[in-house]
Amino acid sequence: MERAAKKDAVEALNGVFKTTSVAVVAHYSGLTVVQMQKLRMQMKQAGASVKVSKNRLAKIALEGTDVVAIGSLLKGPTVIATSDDPVAAPKVAVEFAKANEQFVILGGSMGKTVLDVNGVKALASLPSLDELRAKILGLLVAPATKIAQLSTAPAAKLARVIQAYASKSEAA
């Protein structure tokens, strides 16, 4: 790699690390090209990205970012998964690791907080941002729905009583 290309790669990685909210580091040794493509596709669908770069360049790019703590994990053939949603990258990484035993999660970082393997798994078990928004919206809409049901219930009961009396008097 030329010096200018290395500088561009470091700047690009630094930009990614500055804007991301979570980073997951994993070993990918032994994965086939097809498996790596599948990982990239799953990450992209979840709103995350996967970067494979030289560890030395990645360590330089980590300087001055919140996720600088993952530098100690960059040993051997590593892949770095990042996302803006704190749950997206860990969720996809954990699911992919279950299906492919060659993909080994080493740890990660959420902001300035360093995560070990169990921390990444715990983060992956949380609901995503979209799921939380849907639950909150459901909680907000539920009282209005119940009020509407209560306000129409007495009228419906009254209509049934009148119908019952009408049918009773017709039968007599």
C-alpha atoms as a PDB file:
ATOM      1  CA  MET A   1       0.000   0.000   0.000  1.00  0.00           C
ATOM      2  CA  GLU A   2       1.324   3.444  -0.854  1.00  0.00           C
ATOM      3  CA  ARG A   3       1.736   6.106   1.779  1.00  0.00           C
ATOM      4  CA  ALA A   4      -1.089   8.246   0.344  1.00  0.00           C
ATOM      5  CA  ALA A   5      -3.442   5.269   0.199  1.00  0.00           C
ATOM      6  CA  LYS A   6      -2.631   4.429   3.828  1.00  0.00           C
ATOM      7  CA  LYS A   7      -3.329   8.028   4.853  1.00  0.00           C
ATOM      8  CA  ASP A   8      -6.691   7.967   3.035  1.00  0.00           C
ATOM      9  CA  ALA A   9      -7.589   4.639   4.658  1.00  0.00           C
ATOM     10  CA  VAL A  10      -6.737   5.975   8.135  1.00  0.00           C
ATOM     11  CA  GLU A  11      -8.804   9.128   7.556  1.00  0.00           C
ATOM     12  CA  ALA A  12     -11.785   7.113   6.320  1.00  0.00           C
ATOM     13  CA  LEU A  13     -11.603   4.753   9.306  1.00  0.00           C
ATOM     14  CA  ASN A  14     -11.219   7.678  11.697  1.00  0.00           C
ATOM     15  CA  GLY A  15     -14.385   9.234  10.276  1.00  0.00           C
ATOM     16  CA  VAL A  16     -16.263   5.972  10.770  1.00  0.00           C
ATOM     17  CA  PHE A  17     -15.032   5.606  14.350  1.00  0.00           C
ATOM     18  CA  LYS A  18     -15.960   9.205  15.229  1.00  0.00           C
ATOM     19  CA  THR A  19     -19.539   8.861  13.983  1.00  0.00           C
ATOM     20  CA  THR A  20     -20.339   5.366  15.238  1.00  0.00           C
ATOM     21  CA  SER A  21     -22.037   4.644  18.533  1.00  0.00           C
ATOM     22  CA  VAL A  22     -20.975   1.009  18.806  1.00  0.00           C
ATOM     23  CA  ALA A  23     -18.115  -1.120  17.477  1.00  0.00           C
ATOM     24  CA  VAL A  24     -17.733  -4.896  17.662  1.00  0.00           C
ATOM     25  CA  VAL A  25     -14.397  -6.637  17.039  1.00  0.00           C
ATOM     26  CA  ALA A  26     -14.243 -10.279  15.951  1.00  0.00           C
ATOM     27  CA  HIS A  27     -11.840 -12.805  14.445  1.00  0.00           C
ATOM     28  CA  TYR A  28     -12.890 -14.008  11.015  1.00  0.00           C
ATOM     29  CA  SER A  29     -10.130 -16.507  10.254  1.00  0.00           C
ATOM     30  CA  GLY A  30     -11.476 -19.518   8.396  1.00  0.00           C
ATOM     31  CA  LEU A  31     -14.542 -17.850   6.878  1.00  0.00           C
ATOM     32  CA  THR A  32     -15.081 -18.259   3.165  1.00  0.00           C
ATOM     33  CA  VAL A  33     -15.685 -15.369   0.791  1.00  0.00           C
ATOM     34  CA  VAL A  34     -19.352 -16.352   0.544  1.00  0.00           C
ATOM     35  CA  GLN A  35     -19.711 -16.278   4.330  1.00  0.00           C
ATOM     36  CA  MET A  36     -18.061 -12.837   4.516  1.00  0.00           C
ATOM     37  CA  GLN A  37     -20.413 -11.560   1.806  1.00  0.00           C
ATOM     38  CA  LYS A  38     -23.354 -12.923   3.773  1.00  0.00           C
ATOM     39  CA  LEU A  39     -22.081 -11.131   6.900  1.00  0.00           C
ATOM     40  CA  ARG A  40     -21.709  -7.857   4.995  1.00  0.00           C
ATOM     41  CA  MET A  41     -25.209  -8.220   3.528  1.00  0.00           C
ATOM     42  CA  GLN A  42     -26.779  -8.936   6.940  1.00  0.00           C
ATOM     43  CA  MET A  43     -24.966  -5.974   8.479  1.00  0.00           C
ATOM     44  CA  LYS A  44     -26.062  -3.691   5.661  1.00  0.00           C
ATOM     45  CA  GLN A  45     -29.697  -4.776   6.040  1.00  0.00           C
ATOM     46  CA  ALA A  46     -29.511  -3.987   9.767  1.00  0.00           C
ATOM     47  CA  GLY A  47     -27.994  -0.549   9.149  1.00  0.00           C
ATOM     48  CA  ALA A  48     -24.474  -1.521  10.183  1.00  0.00           C
ATOM     49  CA  SER A  49     -21.198  -1.886   8.328  1.00  0.00           C
ATOM     50  CA  VAL A  50     -18.199  -4.208   8.392  1.00  0.00           C
ATOM     51  CA  LYS A  51     -14.603  -3.096   7.926  1.00  0.00           C
ATOM     52  CA  VAL A  52     -11.540  -5.247   7.455  1.00  0.00           C
ATOM     53  CA  SER A  53      -8.317  -3.274   7.623  1.00  0.00           C
ATOM     54  CA  LYS A  54      -4.764  -3.627   8.759  1.00  0.00           C
ATOM     55  CA  ASN A  55      -4.664  -3.616  12.545  1.00  0.00           C
ATOM     56  CA  ARG A  56      -1.847  -1.087  12.619  1.00  0.00           C
ATOM     57  CA  LEU A  57      -3.809   1.380  10.471  1.00  0.00           C
ATOM     58  CA  ALA A  58      -6.971   0.796  12.488  1.00  0.00           C
ATOM     59  CA  LYS A  59      -5.107   1.541  15.737  1.00  0.00           C
ATOM     60  CA  ILE A  60      -3.859   4.820  14.266  1.00  0.00           C
ATOM     61  CA  ALA A  61      -7.408   5.655  13.128  1.00  0.00           C
ATOM     62  CA  LEU A  62      -8.783   4.968  16.613  1.00  0.00           C
ATOM     63  CA  GLU A  63      -6.759   7.794  18.171  1.00  0.00           C
ATOM     64  CA  GLY A  64      -8.957  10.694  19.236  1.00  0.00           C
ATOM     65  CA  THR A  65     -12.234   8.731  19.051  1.00  0.00           C
ATOM     66  CA  ASP A  66     -14.600   7.415  21.719  1.00  0.00           C
ATOM     67  CA  VAL A  67     -13.988   3.793  20.724  1.00  0.00           C
ATOM     68  CA  VAL A  68     -10.198   4.002  21.204  1.00  0.00           C
ATOM     69  CA  ALA A  69     -10.412   1.227  23.826  1.00  0.00           C
ATOM     70  CA  ILE A  70     -10.918  -1.479  21.182  1.00  0.00           C
ATOM     71  CA  GLY A  71      -7.315  -1.001  20.030  1.00  0.00           C
ATOM     72  CA  SER A  72      -6.146  -3.738  22.402  1.00  0.00           C
ATOM     73  CA  LEU A  73      -8.485  -6.230  20.681  1.00  0.00           C
ATOM     74  CA  LEU A  74      -6.933  -5.689  17.248  1.00  0.00           C
ATOM     75  CA  LYS A  75      -4.616  -8.699  17.050  1.00  0.00           C
ATOM     76  CA  GLY A  76      -4.688 -11.223  14.249  1.00  0.00           C
ATOM     77  CA  PRO A  77      -7.249 -11.306  11.437  1.00  0.00           C
ATOM     78  CA  THR A  78      -9.953  -9.017  12.821  1.00  0.00           C
ATOM     79  CA  VAL A  79     -13.102  -7.485  11.451  1.00  0.00           C
ATOM     80  CA  ILE A  80     -14.753  -4.378  12.917  1.00  0.00           C
ATOM     81  CA  ALA A  81     -18.547  -4.029  12.762  1.00  0.00           C
ATOM     82  CA  THR A  82     -19.961  -0.559  13.437  1.00  0.00           C
ATOM     83  CA  SER A  83     -23.421   0.978  13.566  1.00  0.00           C
ATOM     84  CA  ASP A  84     -25.233   4.105  14.679  1.00  0.00           C
ATOM     85  CA  ASP A  85     -27.947   2.029  16.341  1.00  0.00           C
ATOM     86  CA  PRO A  86     -26.339   0.620  19.517  1.00  0.00           C
ATOM     87  CA  VAL A  87     -28.017  -2.748  19.002  1.00  0.00           C
ATOM     88  CA  ALA A  88     -27.730  -3.391  15.240  1.00  0.00           C
ATOM     89  CA  ALA A  89     -24.083  -4.442  14.881  1.00  0.00           C
ATOM     90  CA  PRO A  90     -23.945  -6.561  18.071  1.00  0.00           C
ATOM     91  CA  LYS A  91     -27.218  -8.326  17.195  1.00  0.00           C
ATOM     92  CA  VAL A  92     -26.063  -9.303  13.696  1.00  0.00           C
ATOM     93  CA  ALA A  93     -22.587 -10.272  14.950  1.00  0.00           C
ATOM     94  CA  VAL A  94     -23.953 -12.546  17.685  1.00  0.00           C
ATOM     95  CA  GLU A  95     -26.427 -14.212  15.305  1.00  0.00           C
ATOM     96  CA  PHE A  96     -23.688 -14.714  12.707  1.00  0.00           C
ATOM     97  CA  ALA A  97     -21.339 -16.152  15.361  1.00  0.00           C
ATOM     98  CA  LYS A  98     -24.003 -18.707  16.332  1.00  0.00           C
ATOM     99  CA  ALA A  99     -24.225 -19.917  12.735  1.00  0.00           C
ATOM    100  CA  ASN A 100     -20.465 -19.802  11.996  1.00  0.00           C
ATOM    101  CA  GLU A 101     -18.077 -21.052  14.655  1.00  0.00           C
ATOM    102  CA  GLN A 102     -15.055 -19.562  12.833  1.00  0.00           C
ATOM    103  CA  PHE A 103     -16.448 -16.074  13.557  1.00  0.00           C
ATOM    104  CA  VAL A 104     -15.342 -15.361  17.139  1.00  0.00           C
ATOM    105  CA  ILE A 105     -16.439 -12.159  18.875  1.00  0.00           C
ATOM    106  CA  LEU A 106     -13.605 -10.641  20.909  1.00  0.00           C
ATOM    107  CA  GLY A 107     -15.388  -7.633  22.403  1.00  0.00           C
ATOM    108  CA  GLY A 108     -16.322  -4.122  21.500  1.00  0.00           C
ATOM    109  CA  SER A 109     -17.105  -0.639  22.603  1.00  0.00           C
ATOM    110  CA  MET A 110     -20.252   1.418  23.049  1.00  0.00           C
ATOM    111  CA  GLY A 111     -19.162   5.021  23.234  1.00  0.00           C
ATOM    112  CA  LYS A 112     -16.367   5.137  25.793  1.00  0.00           C
ATOM    113  CA  THR A 113     -17.585   1.959  27.500  1.00  0.00           C
ATOM    114  CA  VAL A 114     -15.504  -1.130  26.746  1.00  0.00           C
ATOM    115  CA  LEU A 115     -17.487  -4.332  26.240  1.00  0.00           C
ATOM    116  CA  ASP A 116     -16.289  -7.885  26.645  1.00  0.00           C
ATOM    117  CA  VAL A 117     -17.913 -10.828  24.831  1.00  0.00           C
ATOM    118  CA  ASN A 118     -20.716 -11.041  27.409  1.00  0.00           C
ATOM    119  CA  GLY A 119     -21.310  -7.292  27.129  1.00  0.00           C
ATOM    120  CA  VAL A 120     -21.719  -7.580  23.364  1.00  0.00           C
ATOM    121  CA  LYS A 121     -24.132 -10.504  23.830  1.00  0.00           C
ATOM    122  CA  ALA A 122     -26.118  -8.542  26.428  1.00  0.00           C
ATOM    123  CA  LEU A 123     -26.331  -5.572  24.061  1.00  0.00           C
ATOM    124  CA  ALA A 124     -27.494  -7.895  21.270  1.00  0.00           C
ATOM    125  CA  SER A 125     -30.336  -9.204  23.440  1.00  0.00           C
ATOM    126  CA  LEU A 126     -31.847  -5.726  23.842  1.00  0.00           C
ATOM    127  CA  PRO A 127     -34.673  -4.641  21.544  1.00  0.00           C
ATOM    128  CA  SER A 128     -33.689  -2.460  18.602  1.00  0.00           C
ATOM    129  CA  LEU A 129     -34.466   1.238  18.390  1.00  0.00           C
ATOM    130  CA  ASP A 130     -37.383   0.608  16.019  1.00  0.00           C
ATOM    131  CA  GLU A 131     -38.856  -2.026  18.368  1.00  0.00           C
ATOM    132  CA  LEU A 132     -38.622   0.390  21.309  1.00  0.00           C
ATOM    133  CA  ARG A 133     -40.324   3.138  19.290  1.00  0.00           C
ATOM    134  CA  ALA A 134     -43.147   0.749  18.382  1.00  0.00           C
ATOM    135  CA  LYS A 135     -43.634  -0.245  22.041  1.00  0.00           C
ATOM    136  CA  ILE A 136     -43.718   3.384  23.171  1.00  0.00           C
ATOM    137  CA  LEU A 137     -46.180   4.266  20.428  1.00  0.00           C
ATOM    138  CA  GLY A 138     -48.351   1.324  21.457  1.00  0.00           C
ATOM    139  CA  LEU A 139     -48.313   2.486  25.066  1.00  0.00           C
ATOM    140  CA  LEU A 140     -49.274   6.006  24.031  1.00  0.00           C
ATOM    141  CA  VAL A 141     -52.108   4.874  21.757  1.00  0.00           C
ATOM    142  CA  ALA A 142     -53.535   2.259  24.152  1.00  0.00           C
ATOM    143  CA  PRO A 143     -55.209   4.698  26.614  1.00  0.00           C
ATOM    144  CA  ALA A 144     -56.930   6.575  23.783  1.00  0.00           C
ATOM    145  CA  THR A 145     -58.234   3.290  22.365  1.00  0.00           C
ATOM    146  CA  LYS A 146     -59.573   2.213  25.762  1.00  0.00           C
ATOM    147  CA  ILE A 147     -61.303   5.572  26.281  1.00  0.00           C
ATOM    148  CA  ALA A 148     -62.945   5.261  22.879  1.00  0.00           C
ATOM    149  CA  GLN A 149     -64.098   1.739  23.706  1.00  0.00           C
ATOM    150  CA  LEU A 150     -65.521   2.854  27.067  1.00  0.00           C
ATOM    151  CA  SER A 151     -67.388   5.786  25.550  1.00  0.00           C
ATOM    152  CA  THR A 152     -69.070   3.582  22.923  1.00  0.00           C
ATOM    153  CA  ALA A 153     -69.768   0.663  25.274  1.00  0.00           C
ATOM    154  CA  PRO A 154     -72.768   2.194  27.159  1.00  0.00           C
ATOM    155  CA  ALA A 155     -74.484   3.111  23.897  1.00  0.00           C
ATOM    156  CA  ALA A 156     -73.979  -0.413  22.559  1.00  0.00           C
ATOM    157  CA  LYS A 157     -75.359  -1.945  25.778  1.00  0.00           C
ATOM    158  CA  LEU A 158     -78.370   0.366  25.662  1.00  0.00           C
ATOM    159  CA  ALA A 159     -79.043  -0.592  22.034  1.00  0.00           C
ATOM    160  CA  ARG A 160     -78.905  -4.305  22.943  1.00  0.00           C
ATOM    161  CA  VAL A 161     -81.362  -3.808  25.847  1.00  0.00           C
ATOM    162  CA  ILE A 162     -83.817  -1.938  23.590  1.00  0.00           C
ATOM    163  CA  GLN A 163     -83.475  -4.645  20.932  1.00  0.00           C
ATOM    164  CA  ALA A 164     -84.149  -7.327  23.553  1.00  0.00           C
ATOM    165  CA  TYR A 165     -87.332  -5.533  24.732  1.00  0.00           C
ATOM    166  CA  ALA A 166     -88.449  -5.048  21.137  1.00  0.00           C
ATOM    167  CA  SER A 167     -87.987  -8.718  20.299  1.00  0.00           C
ATOM    168  CA  LYS A 168     -89.708  -9.709  23.573  1.00  0.00           C
ATOM    169  CA  SER A 169     -92.763  -7.571  22.839  1.00  0.00           C
ATOM    170  CA  GLU A 170     -92.963  -8.952  19.254  1.00  0.00           C
ATOM    171  CA  ALA A 171     -92.929 -12.489  20.620  1.00  0.00           C
ATOM    172  CA  ALA A 172     -95.781 -11.718  23.026  1.00  0.00           C
END
